N, C-alpha and C. Protein backbone atom coordinates (compact mmCIF):
# COMPACT_ATOMS: atom_id res chain seq x y z
N MET A 1 0.68 -1.17 0.78
CA MET A 1 -0.28 0.09 0.13
C MET A 1 -0.05 1.79 -0.03
N ARG A 2 0.62 1.91 -0.75
CA ARG A 2 0.93 3.44 -1.02
C ARG A 2 0.48 4.44 -0.62
N VAL A 3 0.19 5.58 0.38
CA VAL A 3 -0.46 6.15 1.14
C VAL A 3 0.05 7.89 -0.04
N LYS A 4 -1.52 8.08 -0.38
CA LYS A 4 -2.21 9.56 -0.87
C LYS A 4 -1.11 10.48 -0.74
N LYS A 5 -0.53 11.00 -1.71
CA LYS A 5 -0.53 12.13 -2.06
C LYS A 5 -1.80 13.29 -1.47
N ILE A 6 -1.65 15.25 -0.44
CA ILE A 6 -3.16 15.34 -0.61
C ILE A 6 -3.27 15.41 -1.78
N THR A 7 -2.48 15.98 -3.35
CA THR A 7 -3.65 15.88 -4.32
C THR A 7 -4.09 15.15 -5.38
N GLU A 8 -3.49 13.87 -4.28
CA GLU A 8 -5.00 12.97 -5.31
C GLU A 8 -5.45 12.60 -3.94
N LEU A 9 -5.78 13.27 -3.00
CA LEU A 9 -7.82 13.25 -2.33
C LEU A 9 -8.56 13.72 -2.90
N ASN A 10 -8.75 14.58 -4.53
CA ASN A 10 -9.74 15.18 -4.42
C ASN A 10 -10.75 16.11 -3.99
N ARG A 11 -10.02 16.63 -2.90
CA ARG A 11 -11.15 17.15 -2.69
C ARG A 11 -12.17 18.71 -2.37
N ILE A 12 -12.91 18.54 -1.81
CA ILE A 12 -14.41 20.53 -2.66
C ILE A 12 -13.37 21.23 -2.43
N SER A 13 -13.52 22.38 -2.59
CA SER A 13 -13.51 23.83 -2.24
C SER A 13 -14.33 24.50 -1.45
N ILE A 14 -14.23 25.24 -0.57
CA ILE A 14 -15.07 25.94 -0.35
C ILE A 14 -16.32 26.10 -0.97
N ASP A 15 -16.66 26.63 -2.09
CA ASP A 15 -17.39 27.53 -3.08
C ASP A 15 -18.55 25.12 -3.24
N GLU A 16 -17.86 24.95 -3.43
CA GLU A 16 -18.29 23.59 -4.15
C GLU A 16 -19.17 22.44 -2.33
N PHE A 17 -17.98 23.53 -1.19
CA PHE A 17 -18.84 22.90 0.13
C PHE A 17 -19.93 23.53 -0.02
N LYS A 18 -20.13 24.99 0.04
CA LYS A 18 -21.25 25.69 0.24
C LYS A 18 -22.83 25.24 -1.14
N ASP A 19 -22.41 24.33 -2.22
CA ASP A 19 -23.47 24.70 -2.88
C ASP A 19 -23.45 22.72 -2.61
N ALA A 20 -22.32 21.65 -2.26
CA ALA A 20 -23.52 20.63 -1.91
C ALA A 20 -24.33 19.89 -1.35
N GLU A 21 -24.92 19.29 -0.66
CA GLU A 21 -25.79 17.83 -0.58
C GLU A 21 -26.04 18.13 1.03
N LYS A 22 -26.42 18.72 2.81
CA LYS A 22 -25.76 18.57 3.42
C LYS A 22 -26.02 17.32 4.57
N THR A 23 -25.44 16.81 4.94
CA THR A 23 -26.45 16.20 6.20
C THR A 23 -27.03 16.62 7.43
N PRO A 24 -28.59 15.88 7.51
CA PRO A 24 -28.92 17.16 8.10
C PRO A 24 -29.12 17.48 9.70
N LEU A 25 -27.97 17.97 9.76
CA LEU A 25 -27.94 17.37 11.78
C LEU A 25 -27.50 18.91 11.82
N VAL A 26 -27.26 19.90 12.55
CA VAL A 26 -27.04 20.42 13.27
C VAL A 26 -25.92 20.83 14.72
N VAL A 27 -25.07 19.82 15.08
CA VAL A 27 -23.69 20.57 15.38
C VAL A 27 -24.22 21.28 16.87
N ILE A 28 -24.85 20.98 18.13
CA ILE A 28 -24.63 22.08 19.29
C ILE A 28 -23.87 22.15 20.17
N LEU A 29 -23.17 22.84 20.23
CA LEU A 29 -21.68 23.44 21.38
C LEU A 29 -22.20 24.42 22.67
N ASP A 30 -22.70 23.19 24.09
CA ASP A 30 -22.98 24.69 24.63
C ASP A 30 -22.06 25.06 25.66
N ASN A 31 -21.64 26.14 25.84
CA ASN A 31 -20.44 26.76 26.75
C ASN A 31 -19.52 25.30 26.62
N VAL A 32 -18.45 25.53 25.47
CA VAL A 32 -17.69 23.89 25.47
C VAL A 32 -16.84 25.20 26.11
N ARG A 33 -15.23 25.30 26.67
CA ARG A 33 -14.28 25.82 26.62
C ARG A 33 -13.55 26.08 26.38
N SER A 34 -12.55 25.01 25.81
CA SER A 34 -11.29 24.72 24.75
C SER A 34 -11.33 25.13 23.11
N LEU A 35 -10.75 25.51 22.87
CA LEU A 35 -10.82 26.19 21.18
C LEU A 35 -10.26 24.86 20.24
N ASN A 36 -9.34 24.36 21.47
CA ASN A 36 -9.64 23.75 20.33
C ASN A 36 -10.14 22.40 20.22
N ASN A 37 -11.34 21.31 21.01
CA ASN A 37 -11.87 21.30 20.79
C ASN A 37 -12.93 22.00 19.35
N ILE A 38 -13.67 23.52 20.14
CA ILE A 38 -14.30 24.03 18.71
C ILE A 38 -13.99 23.57 17.23
N GLY A 39 -12.63 23.53 17.57
CA GLY A 39 -11.61 23.79 15.46
C GLY A 39 -11.99 21.82 15.85
N SER A 40 -11.39 21.61 16.55
CA SER A 40 -11.94 20.05 16.67
C SER A 40 -13.46 19.50 15.46
N VAL A 41 -14.42 20.42 15.70
CA VAL A 41 -15.44 19.88 16.07
C VAL A 41 -15.83 20.89 14.53
N PHE A 42 -15.25 22.02 14.00
CA PHE A 42 -15.89 22.44 12.82
C PHE A 42 -14.41 21.92 12.01
N ARG A 43 -14.02 20.78 12.43
CA ARG A 43 -12.84 20.15 11.29
C ARG A 43 -13.65 18.91 10.77
N THR A 44 -14.32 18.00 12.03
CA THR A 44 -15.20 17.00 11.96
C THR A 44 -17.17 17.22 11.12
N SER A 45 -16.99 18.71 10.82
CA SER A 45 -18.43 19.04 10.61
C SER A 45 -17.79 18.57 9.13
N ASP A 46 -16.61 19.49 9.09
CA ASP A 46 -16.80 20.01 7.58
C ASP A 46 -16.32 18.69 7.04
N ALA A 47 -15.94 17.69 7.19
CA ALA A 47 -15.50 15.99 6.60
C ALA A 47 -16.72 15.14 6.26
N PHE A 48 -18.16 15.42 6.93
CA PHE A 48 -19.38 14.81 7.04
C PHE A 48 -20.44 16.30 6.07
N LEU A 49 -19.47 16.71 6.50
CA LEU A 49 -20.71 17.37 5.55
C LEU A 49 -21.99 18.60 5.74
N ILE A 50 -21.60 18.64 7.19
CA ILE A 50 -22.59 19.18 8.58
C ILE A 50 -23.10 20.10 8.11
N GLU A 51 -24.84 20.67 8.19
CA GLU A 51 -25.66 22.01 7.57
C GLU A 51 -24.66 22.47 8.94
N SER A 52 -24.46 22.47 9.42
CA SER A 52 -24.24 23.89 10.22
C SER A 52 -23.55 23.27 11.81
N VAL A 53 -23.00 24.34 12.81
CA VAL A 53 -22.53 24.34 14.16
C VAL A 53 -23.14 25.48 14.90
N TYR A 54 -23.98 25.07 15.81
CA TYR A 54 -23.89 26.37 16.65
C TYR A 54 -24.03 27.03 17.72
N LEU A 55 -23.17 28.11 18.00
CA LEU A 55 -21.72 28.21 19.59
C LEU A 55 -22.72 28.77 20.68
N CYS A 56 -22.36 28.29 20.96
CA CYS A 56 -23.55 28.44 22.67
C CYS A 56 -22.86 29.61 23.88
N GLY A 57 -23.49 30.64 24.84
CA GLY A 57 -22.65 30.98 25.64
C GLY A 57 -21.08 30.96 25.71
N ILE A 58 -20.25 30.53 26.17
CA ILE A 58 -18.86 30.85 26.50
C ILE A 58 -18.17 30.25 25.26
N THR A 59 -18.91 29.52 24.99
CA THR A 59 -18.57 29.46 23.08
C THR A 59 -17.66 30.50 22.70
N ALA A 60 -16.47 29.87 21.98
CA ALA A 60 -15.97 31.11 21.53
C ALA A 60 -16.63 30.90 19.83
N CYS A 61 -15.98 31.61 19.04
CA CYS A 61 -16.68 32.42 17.67
C CYS A 61 -14.92 32.66 17.08
N PRO A 62 -15.75 31.99 15.42
CA PRO A 62 -14.09 32.07 14.81
C PRO A 62 -14.46 33.75 14.11
N PRO A 63 -13.64 35.29 13.84
CA PRO A 63 -12.27 34.13 13.76
C PRO A 63 -11.30 34.19 15.09
N ASN A 64 -10.64 33.21 14.92
CA ASN A 64 -10.29 32.66 16.57
C ASN A 64 -9.16 32.41 15.72
N ALA A 65 -7.52 32.80 15.92
CA ALA A 65 -6.10 31.82 15.49
C ALA A 65 -5.71 30.58 16.06
N GLU A 66 -6.16 30.17 17.17
CA GLU A 66 -6.68 29.22 17.95
C GLU A 66 -7.33 27.91 18.00
N ILE A 67 -9.33 28.72 17.35
CA ILE A 67 -9.80 27.52 16.82
C ILE A 67 -9.39 26.73 15.41
N HIS A 68 -8.88 28.17 14.60
CA HIS A 68 -8.13 27.78 13.46
C HIS A 68 -6.68 26.91 13.00
N LYS A 69 -6.10 27.24 14.29
CA LYS A 69 -4.97 25.66 14.06
C LYS A 69 -4.81 24.87 14.91
N THR A 70 -6.72 23.86 15.17
CA THR A 70 -6.74 22.73 14.66
C THR A 70 -8.26 22.79 13.86
N ALA A 71 -9.59 23.69 12.92
CA ALA A 71 -10.43 23.54 12.29
C ALA A 71 -9.70 23.76 10.98
N LEU A 72 -7.91 24.50 10.54
CA LEU A 72 -7.69 24.25 9.92
C LEU A 72 -8.08 24.54 8.81
N GLY A 73 -8.91 25.58 8.52
CA GLY A 73 -9.82 26.58 7.59
C GLY A 73 -11.30 26.20 7.62
N ALA A 74 -11.73 24.69 8.72
CA ALA A 74 -13.52 24.54 7.99
C ALA A 74 -14.04 25.50 8.91
N GLU A 75 -13.77 26.18 9.74
CA GLU A 75 -14.96 27.46 10.44
C GLU A 75 -15.03 28.14 9.43
N ASN A 76 -14.17 27.76 7.56
CA ASN A 76 -14.89 29.36 6.67
C ASN A 76 -15.28 28.36 5.96
N SER A 77 -15.57 27.38 6.17
CA SER A 77 -16.62 26.00 4.72
C SER A 77 -18.35 26.31 5.81
N VAL A 78 -17.37 25.28 7.09
CA VAL A 78 -19.16 25.19 7.82
C VAL A 78 -20.12 26.03 8.05
N ASP A 79 -21.49 26.20 7.93
CA ASP A 79 -21.85 27.10 8.47
C ASP A 79 -21.98 26.84 10.19
N TRP A 80 -22.13 28.03 10.66
CA TRP A 80 -22.58 28.43 11.47
C TRP A 80 -22.54 30.04 12.16
N VAL A 81 -23.08 29.82 13.80
CA VAL A 81 -24.37 30.79 14.42
C VAL A 81 -23.79 30.76 15.44
N TYR A 82 -24.36 32.04 16.49
CA TYR A 82 -23.46 32.24 17.78
C TYR A 82 -25.06 32.58 18.42
N TYR A 83 -25.48 32.10 19.39
CA TYR A 83 -26.17 32.30 20.71
C TYR A 83 -25.75 32.32 21.91
N GLU A 84 -26.44 32.65 22.36
CA GLU A 84 -25.32 33.35 23.81
C GLU A 84 -27.06 32.41 24.32
N ASP A 85 -27.60 32.13 24.38
CA ASP A 85 -28.35 31.50 25.65
C ASP A 85 -29.27 30.73 24.22
N THR A 86 -28.33 28.53 24.88
CA THR A 86 -28.67 27.66 23.24
C THR A 86 -29.74 27.16 24.03
N ARG A 87 -31.51 27.42 25.23
CA ARG A 87 -32.43 27.53 24.92
C ARG A 87 -32.91 27.97 23.49
N ASP A 88 -32.38 29.17 23.01
CA ASP A 88 -32.91 29.51 22.55
C ASP A 88 -32.97 29.34 20.71
N ALA A 89 -31.63 28.47 20.87
CA ALA A 89 -30.70 28.11 19.29
C ALA A 89 -32.03 26.68 19.14
N LEU A 90 -31.88 26.17 20.77
CA LEU A 90 -33.47 24.68 20.67
C LEU A 90 -34.05 25.24 19.65
N ARG A 91 -35.12 26.19 20.48
CA ARG A 91 -36.40 26.71 20.40
C ARG A 91 -36.99 27.18 18.69
N GLY A 92 -35.58 27.31 18.10
CA GLY A 92 -35.84 28.43 17.19
C GLY A 92 -35.68 26.68 16.02
N LEU A 93 -34.77 25.76 16.37
CA LEU A 93 -34.73 23.96 15.75
C LEU A 93 -36.09 23.95 16.27
N LYS A 94 -36.30 24.37 17.72
CA LYS A 94 -38.02 23.21 17.83
C LYS A 94 -39.16 23.57 16.14
N ASP A 95 -39.00 24.82 16.30
CA ASP A 95 -39.92 25.40 14.88
C ASP A 95 -39.08 25.08 14.49
N ARG A 96 -38.44 24.80 13.42
CA ARG A 96 -38.15 24.03 12.47
C ARG A 96 -38.27 22.77 12.18
N GLY A 97 -38.57 22.39 13.31
CA GLY A 97 -38.71 20.62 12.99
C GLY A 97 -37.65 19.40 13.61
N PHE A 98 -37.05 20.52 14.11
CA PHE A 98 -35.57 19.50 14.32
C PHE A 98 -35.55 18.62 15.31
N THR A 99 -35.52 17.38 14.85
CA THR A 99 -35.52 16.44 15.92
C THR A 99 -34.16 16.43 16.88
N ILE A 100 -34.03 17.54 18.84
CA ILE A 100 -33.26 17.20 19.79
C ILE A 100 -32.59 16.81 19.78
N CYS A 101 -31.25 16.66 21.26
CA CYS A 101 -30.12 15.09 20.98
C CYS A 101 -29.08 16.00 22.08
N ALA A 102 -29.04 14.57 23.64
CA ALA A 102 -27.47 15.39 24.45
C ALA A 102 -27.74 14.74 23.85
N ILE A 103 -25.84 14.46 23.72
CA ILE A 103 -25.23 13.93 23.77
C ILE A 103 -24.64 13.98 25.66
N GLU A 104 -25.27 13.17 26.53
CA GLU A 104 -25.49 13.10 27.47
C GLU A 104 -25.32 11.61 28.32
N GLN A 105 -25.04 11.03 29.14
CA GLN A 105 -25.37 10.59 30.69
C GLN A 105 -26.09 9.95 31.45
N ALA A 106 -28.06 10.32 30.82
CA ALA A 106 -29.20 10.47 31.37
C ALA A 106 -29.74 9.21 32.27
N GLU A 107 -31.42 9.63 32.56
CA GLU A 107 -31.90 8.97 32.90
C GLU A 107 -32.46 7.83 31.37
N ARG A 108 -33.27 6.79 30.49
CA ARG A 108 -33.61 6.86 30.00
C ARG A 108 -32.67 7.17 28.63
N SER A 109 -31.75 7.51 29.00
CA SER A 109 -30.10 7.27 28.29
C SER A 109 -30.75 6.66 26.43
N ILE A 110 -31.13 6.69 24.69
CA ILE A 110 -30.25 6.10 23.86
C ILE A 110 -29.19 5.64 24.01
N MET A 111 -29.04 4.66 24.03
CA MET A 111 -27.38 3.68 24.17
C MET A 111 -27.08 4.87 22.17
N LEU A 112 -25.63 4.89 22.26
CA LEU A 112 -25.10 5.54 20.27
C LEU A 112 -25.80 3.81 19.64
N ASP A 113 -25.06 2.88 19.83
CA ASP A 113 -25.14 1.82 19.09
C ASP A 113 -26.52 1.76 18.31
N GLU A 114 -27.61 1.64 19.58
CA GLU A 114 -29.78 1.16 19.30
C GLU A 114 -30.28 2.84 18.98
N LEU A 115 -29.40 3.58 18.58
CA LEU A 115 -29.98 4.69 18.05
C LEU A 115 -30.40 4.61 16.17
N VAL A 116 -32.13 4.87 15.96
CA VAL A 116 -32.48 4.63 14.85
C VAL A 116 -33.03 5.64 15.14
N VAL A 117 -32.48 6.42 13.19
CA VAL A 117 -32.70 7.24 12.69
C VAL A 117 -33.81 7.89 11.72
N ASP A 118 -34.94 9.13 11.48
CA ASP A 118 -35.54 8.89 10.45
C ASP A 118 -35.30 10.13 9.64
N LYS A 119 -34.27 9.45 8.37
CA LYS A 119 -34.24 9.77 7.77
C LYS A 119 -35.02 11.56 6.80
N ALA A 120 -36.38 11.59 6.62
CA ALA A 120 -36.83 12.21 6.68
C ALA A 120 -36.79 13.37 7.77
N LYS A 121 -36.34 13.18 9.16
CA LYS A 121 -36.47 14.32 9.76
C LYS A 121 -34.95 14.90 9.81
N GLY A 122 -34.53 16.74 10.34
CA GLY A 122 -33.54 16.32 10.33
C GLY A 122 -32.79 16.65 12.52
N TYR A 123 -31.86 16.64 12.60
CA TYR A 123 -31.42 16.48 13.91
C TYR A 123 -30.94 17.64 14.24
N ALA A 124 -30.91 17.60 15.54
CA ALA A 124 -29.44 18.11 16.11
C ALA A 124 -28.92 17.47 17.82
N VAL A 125 -27.79 17.77 17.25
CA VAL A 125 -26.80 17.44 18.65
C VAL A 125 -26.34 18.62 19.13
N VAL A 126 -26.94 18.18 21.52
CA VAL A 126 -26.38 19.38 22.09
C VAL A 126 -24.74 18.57 22.67
N LEU A 127 -23.69 19.54 22.32
CA LEU A 127 -22.86 18.84 23.42
C LEU A 127 -22.60 19.57 24.39
N GLY A 128 -22.12 19.54 25.20
CA GLY A 128 -22.06 20.09 26.63
C GLY A 128 -20.18 20.97 26.55
N ASN A 129 -19.80 21.27 28.24
CA ASN A 129 -18.86 21.60 29.02
C ASN A 129 -18.05 20.56 29.29
N GLU A 130 -16.64 21.05 28.69
CA GLU A 130 -15.56 20.03 29.30
C GLU A 130 -15.68 18.79 30.58
N VAL A 131 -16.63 19.90 31.01
CA VAL A 131 -16.18 19.55 32.31
C VAL A 131 -17.94 19.90 33.43
N LYS A 132 -18.31 20.49 33.15
CA LYS A 132 -20.38 19.87 33.12
C LYS A 132 -21.16 19.20 32.94
N GLY A 133 -20.35 19.04 31.24
CA GLY A 133 -21.69 18.79 30.02
C GLY A 133 -22.70 19.71 30.18
N VAL A 134 -23.64 18.83 29.49
CA VAL A 134 -24.83 19.46 29.41
C VAL A 134 -26.24 20.14 30.89
N ARG A 135 -26.21 21.05 30.52
CA ARG A 135 -26.38 21.56 31.73
C ARG A 135 -27.64 20.74 31.78
N GLN A 136 -28.83 20.52 32.69
CA GLN A 136 -29.99 20.20 32.80
C GLN A 136 -30.87 21.50 31.98
N GLU A 137 -30.95 22.61 31.99
CA GLU A 137 -32.03 22.75 31.55
C GLU A 137 -32.24 22.73 30.12
N VAL A 138 -30.95 22.49 29.62
CA VAL A 138 -30.88 22.43 27.91
C VAL A 138 -31.44 20.97 27.54
N VAL A 139 -31.09 19.95 28.64
CA VAL A 139 -31.41 18.74 28.88
C VAL A 139 -33.17 18.87 29.00
N ASP A 140 -33.88 20.18 29.60
CA ASP A 140 -35.00 19.54 29.52
C ASP A 140 -35.91 20.14 28.77
N LEU A 141 -35.32 21.21 27.44
CA LEU A 141 -35.40 21.50 25.35
C LEU A 141 -35.19 19.76 24.98
N CYS A 142 -35.25 19.18 24.62
CA CYS A 142 -34.55 18.11 24.12
C CYS A 142 -35.25 16.87 24.36
N ASP A 143 -35.53 16.34 22.73
CA ASP A 143 -36.18 15.06 22.91
C ASP A 143 -35.68 14.10 23.23
N CYS A 144 -34.33 14.18 23.46
CA CYS A 144 -33.80 12.58 23.64
C CYS A 144 -32.40 12.83 24.14
N CYS A 145 -31.65 11.68 25.26
CA CYS A 145 -30.58 12.17 24.81
C CYS A 145 -29.80 10.46 24.38
N ILE A 146 -28.37 11.41 24.29
CA ILE A 146 -27.83 9.43 23.60
C ILE A 146 -27.21 9.87 24.26
N GLU A 147 -26.33 8.72 24.41
CA GLU A 147 -25.36 7.62 25.42
C GLU A 147 -23.86 7.28 24.21
N ILE A 148 -22.66 7.57 24.35
CA ILE A 148 -21.90 7.19 23.67
C ILE A 148 -21.86 6.25 24.89
N PRO A 149 -21.28 3.92 24.98
CA PRO A 149 -21.00 2.81 25.80
C PRO A 149 -19.79 3.28 25.74
N GLN A 150 -19.75 3.02 27.02
CA GLN A 150 -18.37 3.26 27.61
C GLN A 150 -17.78 1.82 28.57
N TYR A 151 -17.17 1.20 28.03
CA TYR A 151 -16.93 -0.15 28.92
C TYR A 151 -15.40 0.44 29.44
N GLY A 152 -14.75 1.30 29.11
CA GLY A 152 -13.65 0.93 30.71
C GLY A 152 -13.44 1.91 31.89
N THR A 153 -12.10 2.67 32.44
CA THR A 153 -12.85 2.48 34.03
C THR A 153 -12.72 4.47 34.22
N LYS A 154 -13.34 4.53 33.14
CA LYS A 154 -13.29 5.98 33.04
C LYS A 154 -14.60 6.72 32.67
N HIS A 155 -15.71 7.59 32.64
CA HIS A 155 -17.21 8.26 32.59
C HIS A 155 -17.49 9.13 32.02
N SER A 156 -16.52 9.33 30.71
CA SER A 156 -16.88 10.32 30.37
C SER A 156 -14.94 10.11 28.49
N LEU A 157 -15.75 11.45 27.27
CA LEU A 157 -14.76 10.97 26.95
C LEU A 157 -14.25 13.13 26.61
N ASN A 158 -13.19 13.41 26.02
CA ASN A 158 -13.36 14.67 25.32
C ASN A 158 -13.74 15.00 24.26
N VAL A 159 -15.00 16.00 24.48
CA VAL A 159 -16.15 16.59 24.01
C VAL A 159 -16.09 16.28 21.81
N SER A 160 -15.10 16.77 21.66
CA SER A 160 -14.66 16.20 19.93
C SER A 160 -14.68 14.80 20.02
N VAL A 161 -13.94 14.59 20.61
CA VAL A 161 -13.94 12.39 20.13
C VAL A 161 -15.28 12.32 20.34
N ALA A 162 -16.49 13.00 21.47
CA ALA A 162 -17.52 12.71 21.48
C ALA A 162 -18.41 12.97 20.19
N ALA A 163 -18.51 13.95 19.45
CA ALA A 163 -18.57 14.49 18.08
C ALA A 163 -18.24 13.72 17.48
N GLY A 164 -17.38 13.56 17.24
CA GLY A 164 -16.21 12.65 16.16
C GLY A 164 -17.52 11.40 16.27
N ILE A 165 -18.03 10.95 16.89
CA ILE A 165 -18.68 9.56 17.11
C ILE A 165 -20.02 10.39 17.17
N VAL A 166 -20.69 10.57 17.13
CA VAL A 166 -21.34 10.87 17.03
C VAL A 166 -21.74 11.38 15.71
N ILE A 167 -21.37 12.09 15.78
CA ILE A 167 -21.23 12.67 13.94
C ILE A 167 -21.77 11.71 13.13
N TRP A 168 -20.54 10.54 13.42
CA TRP A 168 -19.78 10.00 12.38
C TRP A 168 -21.38 8.86 12.44
N GLU A 169 -22.09 8.54 13.55
CA GLU A 169 -23.18 8.21 13.46
C GLU A 169 -23.95 8.57 12.44
N PHE A 170 -24.50 9.65 12.64
CA PHE A 170 -25.56 11.13 12.21
C PHE A 170 -25.39 10.36 10.81
N PHE A 171 -24.03 10.81 10.58
CA PHE A 171 -23.83 10.46 8.94
C PHE A 171 -24.18 9.29 7.57
N LYS A 172 -23.45 8.03 8.47
CA LYS A 172 -23.66 6.93 7.66
C LYS A 172 -25.53 6.11 8.19
N GLN A 173 -25.74 6.24 9.19
CA GLN A 173 -27.49 6.94 9.14
C GLN A 173 -28.54 7.58 8.03
N LEU A 174 -27.75 8.99 8.11
CA LEU A 174 -28.80 9.17 7.68
C LEU A 174 -28.57 9.54 5.70
N GLY A 175 -26.88 9.36 5.61
CA GLY A 175 -26.82 9.52 4.42
C GLY A 175 -27.97 8.48 3.20
């Protein structure tokens, strides 16, 4: 096997990305403090043609050199919106008919490996603060909670890793 050169990857331009059919998924970052995590979520969202990223609360917005360091320009391809209050973002998505899922360990959560999505619907996933997770007042506005099964000694994942796992699952099912 030979590793491909970057020129062989046939990546689309930002303009082509903007015109491409998107995965009907909105990724919401609720008070995510790490600029590296924010950039990583942008980069993953670009990779899987995510509709948009909502940056809420203390979550920083582009342009930002630290976000760019991990996003590598994906903050320019992926549409994003800032909301001071995450609840306003959720209410707007609900009004548009989106099903909203918090990525959180909660009572009656759906395990990600048991999730079945409806291709006819739009979805939003909420990822929370690196220490506190998704706030209860935000979970209360969600239609469900999705939990990523974990089998080791730790009970949490880095927010950008969790985003990548969840985005991939939605991409597979909605594509």
